[in-house]
Amino acid sequence: PGWEVLLVDNASQDDTVQRASRFSQVRIVSNSENRGFAGAVNQAV
């Protein structure tokens, strides 16, 4: 408790976003292209 939860999805082709959307407390950011790990971290921060 007490944590903001973000999920940055780097253009997954599977059901990652669909599964994550089952968790109402999670804010999902879906990228249309793979920004890489570093790019997604900077985006999340």
All heavy atoms as atom14 arrays in JSON, in Angstrom:
{
  "sequence": "PGWEVLLVDNASQDDTVQRASRFSQVRIVSNSENRGFAGAVNQAV",
  "atom14_mask": [
    [1, 1, 1, 1, 1, 1, 1, 0, 0, 0, 0, 0, 0, 0],
    [1, 1, 1, 1, 0, 0, 0, 0, 0, 0, 0, 0, 0, 0],
    [1, 1, 1, 1, 1, 1, 1, 1, 1, 1, 1, 1, 1, 1],
    [1, 1, 1, 1, 1, 1, 1, 1, 1, 0, 0, 0, 0, 0],
    [1, 1, 1, 1, 1, 1, 1, 0, 0, 0, 0, 0, 0, 0],
    [1, 1, 1, 1, 1, 1, 1, 1, 0, 0, 0, 0, 0, 0],
    [1, 1, 1, 1, 1, 1, 1, 1, 0, 0, 0, 0, 0, 0],
    [1, 1, 1, 1, 1, 1, 1, 0, 0, 0, 0, 0, 0, 0],
    [1, 1, 1, 1, 1, 1, 1, 1, 0, 0, 0, 0, 0, 0],
    [1, 1, 1, 1, 1, 1, 1, 1, 0, 0, 0, 0, 0, 0],
    [1, 1, 1, 1, 1, 0, 0, 0, 0, 0, 0, 0, 0, 0],
    [1, 1, 1, 1, 1, 1, 0, 0, 0, 0, 0, 0, 0, 0],
    [1, 1, 1, 1, 1, 1, 1, 1, 1, 0, 0, 0, 0, 0],
    [1, 1, 1, 1, 1, 1, 1, 1, 0, 0, 0, 0, 0, 0],
    [1, 1, 1, 1, 1, 1, 1, 1, 0, 0, 0, 0, 0, 0],
    [1, 1, 1, 1, 1, 1, 1, 0, 0, 0, 0, 0, 0, 0],
    [1, 1, 1, 1, 1, 1, 1, 0, 0, 0, 0, 0, 0, 0],
    [1, 1, 1, 1, 1, 1, 1, 1, 1, 0, 0, 0, 0, 0],
    [1, 1, 1, 1, 1, 1, 1, 1, 1, 1, 1, 0, 0, 0],
    [1, 1, 1, 1, 1, 0, 0, 0, 0, 0, 0, 0, 0, 0],
    [1, 1, 1, 1, 1, 1, 0, 0, 0, 0, 0, 0, 0, 0],
    [1, 1, 1, 1, 1, 1, 1, 1, 1, 1, 1, 0, 0, 0],
    [1, 1, 1, 1, 1, 1, 1, 1, 1, 1, 1, 0, 0, 0],
    [1, 1, 1, 1, 1, 1, 0, 0, 0, 0, 0, 0, 0, 0],
    [1, 1, 1, 1, 1, 1, 1, 1, 1, 0, 0, 0, 0, 0],
    [1, 1, 1, 1, 1, 1, 1, 0, 0, 0, 0, 0, 0, 0],
    [1, 1, 1, 1, 1, 1, 1, 1, 1, 1, 1, 0, 0, 0],
    [1, 1, 1, 1, 1, 1, 1, 1, 0, 0, 0, 0, 0, 0],
    [1, 1, 1, 1, 1, 1, 1, 0, 0, 0, 0, 0, 0, 0],
    [1, 1, 1, 1, 1, 1, 0, 0, 0, 0, 0, 0, 0, 0],
    [1, 1, 1, 1, 1, 1, 1, 1, 0, 0, 0, 0, 0, 0],
    [1, 1, 1, 1, 1, 1, 0, 0, 0, 0, 0, 0, 0, 0],
    [1, 1, 1, 1, 1, 1, 1, 1, 1, 0, 0, 0, 0, 0],
    [1, 1, 1, 1, 1, 1, 1, 1, 0, 0, 0, 0, 0, 0],
    [1, 1, 1, 1, 1, 1, 1, 1, 1, 1, 1, 0, 0, 0],
    [1, 1, 1, 1, 0, 0, 0, 0, 0, 0, 0, 0, 0, 0],
    [1, 1, 1, 1, 1, 1, 1, 1, 1, 1, 1, 0, 0, 0],
    [1, 1, 1, 1, 1, 0, 0, 0, 0, 0, 0, 0, 0, 0],
    [1, 1, 1, 1, 0, 0, 0, 0, 0, 0, 0, 0, 0, 0],
    [1, 1, 1, 1, 1, 0, 0, 0, 0, 0, 0, 0, 0, 0],
    [1, 1, 1, 1, 1, 1, 1, 0, 0, 0, 0, 0, 0, 0],
    [1, 1, 1, 1, 1, 1, 1, 1, 0, 0, 0, 0, 0, 0],
    [1, 1, 1, 1, 1, 1, 1, 1, 1, 0, 0, 0, 0, 0],
    [1, 1, 1, 1, 1, 0, 0, 0, 0, 0, 0, 0, 0, 0],
    [1, 1, 1, 1, 1, 1, 1, 0, 0, 0, 0, 0, 0, 0]
  ],
  "atom14_positions": [
    [[0.83, -1.22, 0.0], [0.0, 0.0, 0.0], [0.86, 1.26, 0.0], [1.99, 1.27, 0.49], [-0.8, -0.13, 1.3], [0.02, -1.01, 2.17], [0.69, -1.98, 1.26], [0.0, 0.0, 0.0], [0.0, 0.0, 0.0], [0.0, 0.0, 0.0], [0.0, 0.0, 0.0], [0.0, 0.0, 0.0], [0.0, 0.0, 0.0], [0.0, 0.0, 0.0]],
    [[0.29, 2.32, -0.56], [0.97, 3.61, -0.57], [1.87, 3.84, -1.76], [2.59, 4.85, -1.8], [0.0, 0.0, 0.0], [0.0, 0.0, 0.0], [0.0, 0.0, 0.0], [0.0, 0.0, 0.0], [0.0, 0.0, 0.0], [0.0, 0.0, 0.0], [0.0, 0.0, 0.0], [0.0, 0.0, 0.0], [0.0, 0.0, 0.0], [0.0, 0.0, 0.0]],
    [[1.81, 2.93, -2.73], [2.67, 3.06, -3.9], [1.86, 3.32, -5.16], [0.85, 2.65, -5.41], [3.51, 1.78, -4.09], [4.63, 1.68, -3.11], [4.6, 1.18, -1.84], [5.97, 2.14, -3.33], [5.82, 1.28, -1.25], [6.69, 1.85, -2.14], [6.64, 2.73, -4.4], [8.05, 2.17, -2.0], [7.98, 3.03, -4.27], [8.67, 2.76, -3.08]],
    [[2.3, 4.3, -5.92], [1.76, 4.5, -7.25], [2.37, 3.43, -8.17], [3.59, 3.22, -8.16], [2.13, 5.89, -7.76], [1.71, 6.15, -9.21], [2.26, 7.48, -9.72], [3.43, 7.81, -9.38], [1.54, 8.16, -10.48], [0.0, 0.0, 0.0], [0.0, 0.0, 0.0], [0.0, 0.0, 0.0], [0.0, 0.0, 0.0], [0.0, 0.0, 0.0]],
    [[1.53, 2.76, -8.96], [2.01, 1.68, -9.82], [1.8, 2.05, -11.28], [0.67, 2.33, -11.71], [1.3, 0.34, -9.51], [1.85, -0.77, -10.42], [1.48, -0.03, -8.04], [0.0, 0.0, 0.0], [0.0, 0.0, 0.0], [0.0, 0.0, 0.0], [0.0, 0.0, 0.0], [0.0, 0.0, 0.0], [0.0, 0.0, 0.0], [0.0, 0.0, 0.0]],
    [[2.88, 2.06, -12.03], [2.85, 2.35, -13.47], [3.34, 1.12, -14.23], [4.24, 0.42, -13.77], [3.75, 3.53, -13.82], [3.54, 4.84, -13.07], [4.66, 5.82, -13.4], [2.19, 5.45, -13.42], [0.0, 0.0, 0.0], [0.0, 0.0, 0.0], [0.0, 0.0, 0.0], [0.0, 0.0, 0.0], [0.0, 0.0, 0.0], [0.0, 0.0, 0.0]],
    [[2.76, 0.88, -15.38], [3.29, -0.13, -16.28], [3.51, 0.52, -17.64], [2.57, 1.06, -18.23], [2.36, -1.32, -16.42], [2.9, -2.44, -17.33], [2.71, -3.81, -16.71], [2.26, -2.41, -18.72], [0.0, 0.0, 0.0], [0.0, 0.0, 0.0], [0.0, 0.0, 0.0], [0.0, 0.0, 0.0], [0.0, 0.0, 0.0], [0.0, 0.0, 0.0]],
    [[4.74, 0.51, -18.1], [5.06, 1.03, -19.43], [5.27, -0.18, -20.33], [6.19, -0.97, -20.12], [6.31, 1.92, -19.41], [6.64, 2.4, -20.82], [6.11, 3.11, -18.48], [0.0, 0.0, 0.0], [0.0, 0.0, 0.0], [0.0, 0.0, 0.0], [0.0, 0.0, 0.0], [0.0, 0.0, 0.0], [0.0, 0.0, 0.0], [0.0, 0.0, 0.0]],
    [[4.41, -0.31, -21.32], [4.49, -1.44, -22.24], [5.16, -1.01, -23.53], [4.71, -0.1, -24.21], [3.09, -2.0, -22.53], [3.17, -3.17, -23.48], [3.55, -4.26, -23.03], [2.88, -2.99, -24.68], [0.0, 0.0, 0.0], [0.0, 0.0, 0.0], [0.0, 0.0, 0.0], [0.0, 0.0, 0.0], [0.0, 0.0, 0.0], [0.0, 0.0, 0.0]],
    [[6.26, -1.68, -23.86], [7.03, -1.36, -25.05], [6.55, -2.15, -26.26], [7.2, -3.07, -26.75], [8.52, -1.63, -24.8], [9.27, -0.38, -24.35], [8.88, 0.74, -24.66], [10.35, -0.59, -23.61], [0.0, 0.0, 0.0], [0.0, 0.0, 0.0], [0.0, 0.0, 0.0], [0.0, 0.0, 0.0], [0.0, 0.0, 0.0], [0.0, 0.0, 0.0]],
    [[5.34, -1.79, -26.74], [4.8, -2.34, -27.98], [4.73, -3.87, -27.97], [5.14, -4.53, -28.94], [5.62, -1.85, -29.18], [0.0, 0.0, 0.0], [0.0, 0.0, 0.0], [0.0, 0.0, 0.0], [0.0, 0.0, 0.0], [0.0, 0.0, 0.0], [0.0, 0.0, 0.0], [0.0, 0.0, 0.0], [0.0, 0.0, 0.0], [0.0, 0.0, 0.0]],
    [[4.2, -4.42, -26.9], [4.07, -5.88, -26.83], [3.13, -6.39, -27.91], [2.13, -5.74, -28.25], [3.52, -6.29, -25.46], [4.48, -6.05, -24.44], [0.0, 0.0, 0.0], [0.0, 0.0, 0.0], [0.0, 0.0, 0.0], [0.0, 0.0, 0.0], [0.0, 0.0, 0.0], [0.0, 0.0, 0.0], [0.0, 0.0, 0.0], [0.0, 0.0, 0.0]],
    [[3.45, -7.57, -28.42], [2.61, -8.21, -29.43], [1.75, -9.31, -28.82], [0.97, -9.95, -29.53], [3.48, -8.8, -30.53], [4.35, -7.77, -31.25], [3.52, -6.68, -31.92], [2.59, -6.99, -32.68], [3.83, -5.42, -31.64], [0.0, 0.0, 0.0], [0.0, 0.0, 0.0], [0.0, 0.0, 0.0], [0.0, 0.0, 0.0], [0.0, 0.0, 0.0]],
    [[1.89, -9.52, -27.51], [1.1, -10.55, -26.85], [-0.01, -9.88, -26.02], [-0.43, -8.77, -26.31], [1.98, -11.46, -26.0], [2.64, -10.72, -24.83], [2.45, -9.49, -24.71], [3.34, -11.37, -24.02], [0.0, 0.0, 0.0], [0.0, 0.0, 0.0], [0.0, 0.0, 0.0], [0.0, 0.0, 0.0], [0.0, 0.0, 0.0], [0.0, 0.0, 0.0]],
    [[-0.46, -10.55, -24.97], [-1.58, -10.05, -24.17], [-1.13, -9.34, -22.9], [-1.87, -9.3, -21.91], [-2.53, -11.19, -23.82], [-1.86, -12.3, -23.02], [-0.61, -12.28, -22.9], [-2.58, -13.2, -22.54], [0.0, 0.0, 0.0], [0.0, 0.0, 0.0], [0.0, 0.0, 0.0], [0.0, 0.0, 0.0], [0.0, 0.0, 0.0], [0.0, 0.0, 0.0]],
    [[0.07, -8.76, -22.91], [0.58, -8.08, -21.72], [-0.38, -7.0, -21.23], [-0.73, -6.95, -20.04], [1.96, -7.45, -22.01], [2.89, -8.48, -22.34], [2.47, -6.69, -20.8], [0.0, 0.0, 0.0], [0.0, 0.0, 0.0], [0.0, 0.0, 0.0], [0.0, 0.0, 0.0], [0.0, 0.0, 0.0], [0.0, 0.0, 0.0], [0.0, 0.0, 0.0]],
    [[-0.78, -6.11, -22.11], [-1.65, -4.99, -21.72], [-3.01, -5.5, -21.26], [-3.58, -5.01, -20.27], [-1.8, -4.0, -22.88], [-2.83, -2.92, -22.55], [-0.45, -3.34, -23.2], [0.0, 0.0, 0.0], [0.0, 0.0, 0.0], [0.0, 0.0, 0.0], [0.0, 0.0, 0.0], [0.0, 0.0, 0.0], [0.0, 0.0, 0.0], [0.0, 0.0, 0.0]],
    [[-3.54, -6.49, -21.94], [-4.83, -7.05, -21.55], [-4.78, -7.62, -20.14], [-5.67, -7.4, -19.32], [-5.24, -8.14, -22.54], [-6.56, -8.82, -22.19], [-6.91, -9.95, -23.16], [-6.27, -10.09, -24.21], [-7.89, -10.74, -22.81], [0.0, 0.0, 0.0], [0.0, 0.0, 0.0], [0.0, 0.0, 0.0], [0.0, 0.0, 0.0], [0.0, 0.0, 0.0]],
    [[-3.72, -8.35, -19.82], [-3.58, -8.92, -18.48], [-3.36, -7.83, -17.43], [-3.93, -7.91, -16.33], [-2.42, -9.92, -18.46], [-2.68, -11.22, -19.21], [-1.43, -12.08, -19.26], [-1.64, -13.31, -19.98], [-1.92, -14.49, -19.43], [-2.04, -14.56, -18.1], [-2.08, -15.57, -20.15], [0.0, 0.0, 0.0], [0.0, 0.0, 0.0], [0.0, 0.0, 0.0]],
    [[-2.56, -6.83, -17.76], [-2.3, -5.75, -16.82], [-3.55, -4.93, -16.53], [-3.71, -4.39, -15.43], [-1.19, -4.85, -17.34], [0.0, 0.0, 0.0], [0.0, 0.0, 0.0], [0.0, 0.0, 0.0], [0.0, 0.0, 0.0], [0.0, 0.0, 0.0], [0.0, 0.0, 0.0], [0.0, 0.0, 0.0], [0.0, 0.0, 0.0], [0.0, 0.0, 0.0]],
    [[-4.42, -4.82, -17.52], [-5.63, -4.01, -17.35], [-6.6, -4.59, -16.34], [-7.55, -3.93, -15.92], [-6.33, -3.83, -18.7], [-6.8, -5.07, -19.2], [0.0, 0.0, 0.0], [0.0, 0.0, 0.0], [0.0, 0.0, 0.0], [0.0, 0.0, 0.0], [0.0, 0.0, 0.0], [0.0, 0.0, 0.0], [0.0, 0.0, 0.0], [0.0, 0.0, 0.0]],
    [[-6.37, -5.82, -15.9], [-7.22, -6.43, -14.88], [-6.95, -5.84, -13.5], [-7.71, -6.09, -12.56], [-7.0, -7.95, -14.85], [-7.34, -8.64, -16.16], [-6.88, -10.09, -16.16], [-7.1, -10.72, -17.46], [-6.62, -11.92, -17.8], [-5.91, -12.61, -16.92], [-6.86, -12.42, -19.0], [0.0, 0.0, 0.0], [0.0, 0.0, 0.0], [0.0, 0.0, 0.0]],
    [[-5.86, -5.08, -13.38], [-5.48, -4.5, -12.09], [-5.83, -3.01, -12.12], [-5.15, -2.21, -12.76], [-3.98, -4.72, -11.84], [-3.59, -6.15, -11.74], [-3.32, -6.89, -12.88], [-3.51, -6.77, -10.49], [-2.96, -8.23, -12.79], [-3.16, -8.11, -10.39], [-2.9, -8.84, -11.55], [0.0, 0.0, 0.0], [0.0, 0.0, 0.0], [0.0, 0.0, 0.0]],
    [[-6.88, -2.67, -11.42], [-7.42, -1.31, -11.51], [-6.48, -0.26, -10.96], [-6.57, 0.92, -11.33], [-8.76, -1.24, -10.77], [-8.6, -1.62, -9.4], [0.0, 0.0, 0.0], [0.0, 0.0, 0.0], [0.0, 0.0, 0.0], [0.0, 0.0, 0.0], [0.0, 0.0, 0.0], [0.0, 0.0, 0.0], [0.0, 0.0, 0.0], [0.0, 0.0, 0.0]],
    [[-5.57, -0.66, -10.06], [-4.69, 0.33, -9.45], [-3.5, 0.69, -10.34], [-2.72, 1.59, -10.03], [-4.17, -0.19, -8.09], [-2.92, -1.07, -8.15], [-3.22, -2.53, -8.49], [-4.28, -2.85, -9.02], [-2.27, -3.4, -8.19], [0.0, 0.0, 0.0], [0.0, 0.0, 0.0], [0.0, 0.0, 0.0], [0.0, 0.0, 0.0], [0.0, 0.0, 0.0]],
    [[-3.35, -0.02, -11.46], [-2.18, 0.16, -12.32], [-2.5, 1.16, -13.44], [-3.5, 1.01, -14.15], [-1.74, -1.18, -12.93], [-0.54, -0.98, -13.86], [-1.4, -2.18, -11.82], [0.0, 0.0, 0.0], [0.0, 0.0, 0.0], [0.0, 0.0, 0.0], [0.0, 0.0, 0.0], [0.0, 0.0, 0.0], [0.0, 0.0, 0.0], [0.0, 0.0, 0.0]],
    [[-1.63, 2.14, -13.57], [-1.73, 3.08, -14.69], [-0.89, 2.54, -15.84], [0.32, 2.36, -15.68], [-1.25, 4.46, -14.28], [-1.34, 5.5, -15.4], [-0.88, 6.85, -14.92], [-0.89, 7.83, -15.99], [-0.45, 9.08, -15.86], [0.04, 9.49, -14.7], [-0.5, 9.91, -16.88], [0.0, 0.0, 0.0], [0.0, 0.0, 0.0], [0.0, 0.0, 0.0]],
    [[-1.5, 2.28, -16.98], [-0.83, 1.64, -18.1], [-0.51, 2.68, -19.18], [-1.36, 3.47, -19.58], [-1.7, 0.52, -18.7], [-1.99, -0.55, -17.63], [-1.02, -0.11, -19.91], [-2.98, -1.6, -18.07], [0.0, 0.0, 0.0], [0.0, 0.0, 0.0], [0.0, 0.0, 0.0], [0.0, 0.0, 0.0], [0.0, 0.0, 0.0], [0.0, 0.0, 0.0]],
    [[0.73, 2.65, -19.62], [1.17, 3.48, -20.74], [1.6, 2.53, -21.85], [2.54, 1.75, -21.68], [2.34, 4.4, -20.34], [2.8, 5.24, -21.53], [1.96, 5.28, -19.16], [0.0, 0.0, 0.0], [0.0, 0.0, 0.0], [0.0, 0.0, 0.0], [0.0, 0.0, 0.0], [0.0, 0.0, 0.0], [0.0, 0.0, 0.0], [0.0, 0.0, 0.0]],
    [[0.9, 2.59, -22.98], [1.18, 1.68, -24.09], [1.92, 2.43, -25.19], [1.38, 3.38, -25.78], [-0.12, 1.09, -24.65], [-0.79, 0.34, -23.67], [0.0, 0.0, 0.0], [0.0, 0.0, 0.0], [0.0, 0.0, 0.0], [0.0, 0.0, 0.0], [0.0, 0.0, 0.0], [0.0, 0.0, 0.0], [0.0, 0.0, 0.0], [0.0, 0.0, 0.0]],
    [[3.14, 2.01, -25.45], [3.93, 2.61, -26.52], [3.65, 1.9, -27.85], [3.53, 0.67, -27.89], [5.42, 2.53, -26.21], [5.82, 3.43, -25.05], [5.22, 4.48, -24.83], [6.82, 3.02, -24.29], [0.0, 0.0, 0.0], [0.0, 0.0, 0.0], [0.0, 0.0, 0.0], [0.0, 0.0, 0.0], [0.0, 0.0, 0.0], [0.0, 0.0, 0.0]],
    [[3.6, 2.68, -28.91], [3.35, 2.1, -30.23], [4.61, 1.5, -30.83], [4.55, 0.77, -31.81], [2.8, 3.18, -31.17], [3.71, 4.27, -31.28], [0.0, 0.0, 0.0], [0.0, 0.0, 0.0], [0.0, 0.0, 0.0], [0.0, 0.0, 0.0], [0.0, 0.0, 0.0], [0.0, 0.0, 0.0], [0.0, 0.0, 0.0], [0.0, 0.0, 0.0]],
    [[5.76, 1.82, -30.23], [7.02, 1.23, -30.66], [7.86, 0.92, -29.43], [7.64, 1.48, -28.36], [7.79, 2.18, -31.59], [8.14, 3.51, -30.96], [8.86, 4.44, -31.92], [8.93, 4.11, -33.12], [9.35, 5.48, -31.47], [0.0, 0.0, 0.0], [0.0, 0.0, 0.0], [0.0, 0.0, 0.0], [0.0, 0.0, 0.0], [0.0, 0.0, 0.0]],
    [[8.8, 0.02, -29.6], [9.67, -0.37, -28.49], [10.71, 0.71, -28.25], [11.61, 0.9, -29.07], [10.35, -1.71, -28.8], [11.11, -2.26, -27.61], [11.37, -1.57, -26.63], [11.48, -3.53, -27.68], [0.0, 0.0, 0.0], [0.0, 0.0, 0.0], [0.0, 0.0, 0.0], [0.0, 0.0, 0.0], [0.0, 0.0, 0.0], [0.0, 0.0, 0.0]],
    [[10.59, 1.41, -27.14], [11.52, 2.49, -26.82], [12.77, 1.99, -26.1], [13.64, 2.79, -25.76], [10.82, 3.54, -25.96], [9.66, 4.23, -26.66], [9.05, 5.34, -25.83], [10.03, 6.35, -25.44], [9.71, 7.51, -24.86], [8.43, 7.79, -24.62], [10.64, 8.36, -24.53], [0.0, 0.0, 0.0], [0.0, 0.0, 0.0], [0.0, 0.0, 0.0]],
    [[12.85, 0.69, -25.86], [13.97, 0.15, -25.12], [13.76, 0.33, -23.62], [12.91, 1.1, -23.17], [0.0, 0.0, 0.0], [0.0, 0.0, 0.0], [0.0, 0.0, 0.0], [0.0, 0.0, 0.0], [0.0, 0.0, 0.0], [0.0, 0.0, 0.0], [0.0, 0.0, 0.0], [0.0, 0.0, 0.0], [0.0, 0.0, 0.0], [0.0, 0.0, 0.0]],
    [[14.55, -0.39, -22.84], [14.4, -0.33, -21.39], [14.7, 1.08, -20.87], [13.93, 1.64, -20.08], [15.33, -1.34, -20.73], [15.18, -1.43, -19.24], [14.14, -2.14, -18.67], [16.07, -0.79, -18.4], [14.0, -2.22, -17.29], [15.95, -0.86, -17.02], [14.91, -1.57, -16.47], [0.0, 0.0, 0.0], [0.0, 0.0, 0.0], [0.0, 0.0, 0.0]],
    [[15.81, 1.68, -21.3], [16.18, 3.0, -20.8], [15.14, 4.04, -21.16], [14.76, 4.88, -20.34], [17.55, 3.4, -21.35], [0.0, 0.0, 0.0], [0.0, 0.0, 0.0], [0.0, 0.0, 0.0], [0.0, 0.0, 0.0], [0.0, 0.0, 0.0], [0.0, 0.0, 0.0], [0.0, 0.0, 0.0], [0.0, 0.0, 0.0], [0.0, 0.0, 0.0]],
    [[14.66, 3.99, -22.4], [13.65, 4.96, -22.81], [12.37, 4.83, -22.02], [11.74, 5.83, -21.65], [0.0, 0.0, 0.0], [0.0, 0.0, 0.0], [0.0, 0.0, 0.0], [0.0, 0.0, 0.0], [0.0, 0.0, 0.0], [0.0, 0.0, 0.0], [0.0, 0.0, 0.0], [0.0, 0.0, 0.0], [0.0, 0.0, 0.0], [0.0, 0.0, 0.0]],
    [[11.96, 3.59, -21.75], [10.73, 3.37, -20.98], [10.89, 3.81, -19.53], [9.95, 4.34, -18.93], [10.34, 1.89, -21.05], [0.0, 0.0, 0.0], [0.0, 0.0, 0.0], [0.0, 0.0, 0.0], [0.0, 0.0, 0.0], [0.0, 0.0, 0.0], [0.0, 0.0, 0.0], [0.0, 0.0, 0.0], [0.0, 0.0, 0.0], [0.0, 0.0, 0.0]],
    [[12.09, 3.6, -18.96], [12.33, 4.06, -17.59], [12.23, 5.58, -17.52], [11.55, 6.14, -16.64], [13.7, 3.6, -17.07], [14.04, 4.3, -15.75], [13.72, 2.09, -16.88], [0.0, 0.0, 0.0], [0.0, 0.0, 0.0], [0.0, 0.0, 0.0], [0.0, 0.0, 0.0], [0.0, 0.0, 0.0], [0.0, 0.0, 0.0], [0.0, 0.0, 0.0]],
    [[12.87, 6.26, -18.44], [12.8, 7.73, -18.46], [11.36, 8.21, -18.65], [10.92, 9.18, -18.02], [13.69, 8.29, -19.57], [15.16, 8.15, -19.26], [15.56, 7.97, -18.1], [15.99, 8.23, -20.28], [0.0, 0.0, 0.0], [0.0, 0.0, 0.0], [0.0, 0.0, 0.0], [0.0, 0.0, 0.0], [0.0, 0.0, 0.0], [0.0, 0.0, 0.0]],
    [[10.64, 7.52, -19.49], [9.23, 7.86, -19.72], [8.44, 7.69, -18.43], [7.63, 8.55, -18.06], [8.68, 6.96, -20.81], [7.24, 7.23, -21.2], [6.75, 6.26, -22.27], [7.39, 5.23, -22.52], [5.64, 6.58, -22.9], [0.0, 0.0, 0.0], [0.0, 0.0, 0.0], [0.0, 0.0, 0.0], [0.0, 0.0, 0.0], [0.0, 0.0, 0.0]],
    [[8.68, 6.6, -17.71], [7.96, 6.33, -16.47], [8.28, 7.37, -15.41], [7.38, 7.86, -14.71], [8.31, 4.93, -15.96], [0.0, 0.0, 0.0], [0.0, 0.0, 0.0], [0.0, 0.0, 0.0], [0.0, 0.0, 0.0], [0.0, 0.0, 0.0], [0.0, 0.0, 0.0], [0.0, 0.0, 0.0], [0.0, 0.0, 0.0], [0.0, 0.0, 0.0]],
    [[9.56, 7.73, -15.28], [9.93, 8.73, -14.27], [9.29, 10.07, -14.6], [8.86, 10.81, -13.69], [11.47, 8.87, -14.19], [11.85, 9.95, -13.18], [12.11, 7.54, -13.79], [0.0, 0.0, 0.0], [0.0, 0.0, 0.0], [0.0, 0.0, 0.0], [0.0, 0.0, 0.0], [0.0, 0.0, 0.0], [0.0, 0.0, 0.0], [0.0, 0.0, 0.0]]
  ]
}
